[in-house]
Amino acid sequence: MTYPPHPEGTPPPADPYAPLDYPSNFPAMPPPVYPAPYPAPAAYPGYPYPPPGYPGYPGYGDPYDPYRPTKPPGTNGKAIAALVTSLAGLLLCGLPSIAGIILGIVAMRETKRTGQDGFGLAVAGVAIGAVIIALIVLYIAFVVILAASTTTSPSSY
């Protein structure tokens, strides 16, 4: 970097980007002083931690572990569908109840894995679907047994 000529006797301006040369006999820094550690949260009687009703940050997960996956919002759709199709089996001769059982099992696994709401709906869908299927099987067996016992052979005339 060049500077314009200076009148005699005036030094050129100092370069603001020049490295600084610190003296080698500078006194050493004192060791750091850390504050006393805080007592555990249980040390405060009468103050539960976390406070009751602490919602955290909705949509942002746990403020102490931001990388943990958050719970999906709402109720699992497959759990709702399991309950609805199982109940529809009452009206439609039990066929939708089979789909309700399958959807309920899938929804139970999903809700356990993700923590989403709807586990109870999935269990209810499986239970209702199984009861409806069992009742239809019992009804068909009863009709077959009744039909077999009421038929008459031609030799009885």
Protein backbone atom coordinates (compact mmCIF):
# COMPACT_ATOMS: atom_id res chain seq x y z
CA MET A 1 0.00 0.00 0.00
CA THR A 2 1.42 3.34 -0.93
CA TYR A 3 0.69 6.59 0.78
CA PRO A 4 0.81 10.06 -0.71
CA PRO A 5 4.01 12.00 0.04
CA HIS A 6 4.14 13.62 3.51
CA PRO A 7 5.69 16.85 4.48
CA GLU A 8 9.09 16.54 6.08
CA GLY A 9 9.04 15.50 9.71
CA THR A 10 5.58 13.88 9.82
CA PRO A 11 5.49 10.10 10.01
CA PRO A 12 3.22 8.18 7.64
CA PRO A 13 -0.10 7.03 9.17
CA ALA A 14 -0.04 3.65 10.89
CA ASP A 15 -1.40 0.69 8.99
CA PRO A 16 -4.65 -0.36 10.79
CA TYR A 17 -4.23 -3.96 9.59
CA ALA A 18 -0.67 -4.49 10.76
CA PRO A 19 -0.19 -7.32 13.31
CA LEU A 20 0.24 -6.29 16.92
CA ASP A 21 3.35 -7.18 18.84
CA TYR A 22 2.45 -7.89 22.47
CA PRO A 23 5.16 -7.64 25.09
CA SER A 24 6.50 -11.00 26.31
CA ASN A 25 6.65 -9.89 29.95
CA PHE A 26 2.91 -9.32 30.20
CA PRO A 27 1.52 -10.76 33.51
CA ALA A 28 -0.37 -14.06 33.27
CA MET A 29 -4.14 -14.18 33.58
CA PRO A 30 -5.51 -15.39 36.92
CA PRO A 31 -7.24 -18.78 36.88
CA PRO A 32 -10.96 -18.62 36.05
CA VAL A 33 -13.40 -18.47 38.91
CA TYR A 34 -16.54 -20.46 38.30
CA PRO A 35 -19.77 -19.91 40.25
CA ALA A 36 -20.92 -22.57 42.67
CA PRO A 37 -23.07 -25.25 40.98
CA TYR A 38 -26.80 -25.02 41.47
CA PRO A 39 -28.39 -27.64 43.70
CA ALA A 40 -30.51 -30.33 42.07
CA PRO A 41 -34.10 -29.27 41.33
CA ALA A 42 -35.34 -31.68 44.02
CA ALA A 43 -33.45 -29.63 46.63
CA TYR A 44 -36.18 -26.99 46.54
CA PRO A 45 -39.02 -28.40 48.64
CA GLY A 46 -42.47 -27.73 47.30
CA TYR A 47 -41.37 -26.94 43.76
CA PRO A 48 -41.82 -29.91 41.41
CA TYR A 49 -39.67 -29.98 38.32
CA PRO A 50 -40.83 -29.62 35.63
CA PRO A 51 -43.75 -27.55 36.86
CA PRO A 52 -47.14 -29.24 36.53
CA GLY A 53 -48.89 -28.38 33.32
CA TYR A 54 -45.62 -27.45 31.63
CA PRO A 55 -46.50 -27.77 27.96
CA GLY A 56 -42.99 -27.31 26.59
CA TYR A 57 -42.84 -25.71 23.21
CA PRO A 58 -45.64 -27.05 21.02
CA GLY A 59 -44.33 -28.01 17.62
CA TYR A 60 -40.72 -27.68 18.69
CA GLY A 61 -40.40 -30.82 20.81
CA ASP A 62 -38.34 -31.05 23.95
CA PRO A 63 -36.35 -27.85 24.65
CA TYR A 64 -33.64 -29.90 26.34
CA ASP A 65 -33.26 -32.37 23.46
CA PRO A 66 -34.15 -30.56 20.22
CA TYR A 67 -33.00 -33.46 18.02
CA ARG A 68 -35.45 -35.99 19.46
CA PRO A 69 -38.31 -36.55 17.00
CA THR A 70 -41.56 -35.00 18.07
CA LYS A 71 -44.91 -36.71 18.40
CA PRO A 72 -47.05 -36.31 15.28
CA PRO A 73 -50.04 -34.07 15.96
CA GLY A 74 -53.57 -35.44 16.18
CA THR A 75 -55.01 -38.92 16.27
CA ASN A 76 -53.79 -41.72 14.03
CA GLY A 77 -56.07 -41.96 11.00
CA LYS A 78 -55.73 -45.73 10.74
CA ALA A 79 -56.97 -46.08 14.32
CA ILE A 80 -60.08 -44.07 13.49
CA ALA A 81 -60.61 -46.08 10.31
CA ALA A 82 -60.23 -49.34 12.27
CA LEU A 83 -63.01 -48.38 14.66
CA VAL A 84 -65.30 -47.12 11.90
CA THR A 85 -64.85 -50.17 9.66
CA SER A 86 -65.30 -52.55 12.59
CA LEU A 87 -68.59 -50.87 13.49
CA ALA A 88 -69.63 -50.89 9.82
CA GLY A 89 -69.36 -54.66 9.99
CA LEU A 90 -72.58 -54.67 12.03
CA LEU A 91 -74.49 -53.27 9.07
CA LEU A 92 -72.66 -55.03 6.24
CA CYS A 93 -72.53 -58.67 7.38
CA GLY A 94 -69.09 -58.50 8.96
CA LEU A 95 -66.96 -57.97 5.85
CA PRO A 96 -65.63 -54.54 6.89
CA SER A 97 -64.78 -55.96 10.32
CA ILE A 98 -61.95 -57.95 8.76
CA ALA A 99 -60.48 -54.73 7.40
CA GLY A 100 -61.06 -53.12 10.80
CA ILE A 101 -59.00 -55.82 12.52
CA ILE A 102 -56.14 -55.40 10.05
CA LEU A 103 -56.20 -51.60 10.27
CA GLY A 104 -56.36 -51.79 14.06
CA ILE A 105 -53.26 -53.97 14.29
CA VAL A 106 -51.34 -51.67 11.95
CA ALA A 107 -52.51 -48.60 13.88
CA MET A 108 -51.48 -50.11 17.23
CA ARG A 109 -47.96 -50.67 15.92
CA GLU A 110 -47.78 -47.14 14.48
CA THR A 111 -49.02 -45.44 17.63
CA LYS A 112 -46.52 -47.35 19.77
CA ARG A 113 -43.67 -46.49 17.41
CA THR A 114 -44.45 -42.79 16.92
CA GLY A 115 -46.22 -41.95 20.20
CA GLN A 116 -49.20 -40.56 18.30
CA ASP A 117 -52.65 -40.59 19.89
CA GLY A 118 -55.19 -43.27 18.99
CA PHE A 119 -53.91 -46.47 20.59
CA GLY A 120 -57.20 -46.97 22.44
CA LEU A 121 -59.20 -46.48 19.25
CA ALA A 122 -57.08 -49.10 17.52
CA VAL A 123 -57.59 -51.59 20.35
CA ALA A 124 -61.34 -50.92 20.28
CA GLY A 125 -61.39 -51.45 16.50
CA VAL A 126 -59.62 -54.80 16.83
CA ALA A 127 -61.82 -55.93 19.72
CA ILE A 128 -65.12 -54.93 18.10
CA GLY A 129 -64.09 -56.41 14.77
CA ALA A 130 -63.10 -59.70 16.43
CA VAL A 131 -66.37 -59.90 18.37
CA ILE A 132 -68.42 -59.22 15.23
CA ILE A 133 -66.51 -61.85 13.24
CA ALA A 134 -66.92 -64.36 16.09
CA LEU A 135 -70.67 -63.66 16.28
CA ILE A 136 -71.08 -64.12 12.52
CA VAL A 137 -69.16 -67.41 12.61
CA LEU A 138 -71.34 -68.60 15.50
CA TYR A 139 -74.47 -67.53 13.61
CA ILE A 140 -73.43 -69.41 10.48
CA ALA A 141 -72.59 -72.52 12.53
CA PHE A 142 -75.99 -72.29 14.28
CA VAL A 143 -77.83 -71.99 10.95
CA VAL A 144 -75.94 -74.96 9.49
CA ILE A 145 -76.66 -77.13 12.54
CA LEU A 146 -80.31 -76.06 12.57
CA ALA A 147 -80.69 -76.77 8.85
CA ALA A 148 -79.06 -80.18 9.22
CA SER A 149 -81.32 -81.20 12.10
CA THR A 150 -84.59 -80.11 10.49
CA THR A 151 -84.11 -81.84 7.15
CA THR A 152 -86.07 -85.02 6.79
CA SER A 153 -84.91 -88.00 4.89
CA PRO A 154 -87.26 -89.51 2.21
CA SER A 155 -87.58 -92.75 4.16
CA SER A 156 -89.42 -91.06 7.01
CA TYR A 157 -92.66 -90.67 4.97
